[in-house]
Protein backbone atom coordinates (compact mmCIF):
# COMPACT_ATOMS: atom_id res chain seq x y z
CA MET A 1 6.06 5.14 6.10
CA LEU A 2 9.46 5.24 3.60
CA PRO A 3 10.48 2.16 1.63
CA ASN A 4 13.02 0.65 2.43
CA SER A 5 16.50 1.27 1.11
CA ASN A 6 15.61 -0.59 -2.13
CA GLY A 7 12.88 1.50 -2.96
CA ASN A 8 9.76 -0.49 -1.94
CA PHE A 9 8.04 -1.42 0.57
CA THR A 10 8.50 -4.96 1.22
CA GLY A 11 8.76 -6.04 4.94
CA LYS A 12 6.68 -2.97 5.51
CA VAL A 13 2.86 -3.83 7.69
CA ALA A 14 0.54 -0.83 7.13
CA PHE A 15 -2.95 -0.49 9.64
CA VAL A 16 -5.11 1.60 7.27
CA THR A 17 -7.95 3.08 9.64
CA GLY A 18 -11.12 4.51 8.84
CA ALA A 19 -11.44 2.20 5.52
CA ALA A 20 -14.80 1.72 5.55
CA LYS A 21 -16.38 3.89 3.13
CA SER A 22 -16.30 7.12 1.20
CA ILE A 23 -12.73 8.43 0.91
CA GLY A 24 -11.22 6.86 3.25
CA ARG A 25 -11.99 3.37 1.06
CA ALA A 26 -10.70 5.17 -1.82
CA ARG A 27 -7.67 5.45 -0.69
CA ALA A 28 -6.93 1.83 1.26
CA LEU A 29 -8.00 0.16 -2.07
CA ALA A 30 -6.10 2.72 -4.00
CA PHE A 31 -2.94 1.87 -1.61
CA VAL A 32 -3.85 -1.89 -1.81
CA GLN A 33 -3.27 -1.26 -5.94
CA THR A 34 -0.07 0.12 -5.79
CA LEU A 35 1.44 -2.69 -3.88
CA THR A 36 0.18 -5.06 -5.52
CA SER A 37 1.48 -3.60 -9.23
CA ASP A 38 5.11 -2.84 -6.55
CA MET A 39 4.57 -6.26 -6.19
CA ALA A 40 4.03 -7.67 -9.16
CA LYS A 41 7.26 -5.56 -10.88
CA THR A 42 9.61 -7.17 -8.29
CA SER A 43 8.67 -10.41 -8.74
């Protein structure tokens, strides 16, 4: 997924599959943490 022209993912949607356990879960959690961190920086 590419960021918007301003460098963030505002207005984008991600559908994460395989996030029930193991590496998929870890990647999904890391993705959410990154997005919420980025959102906090822009607020």
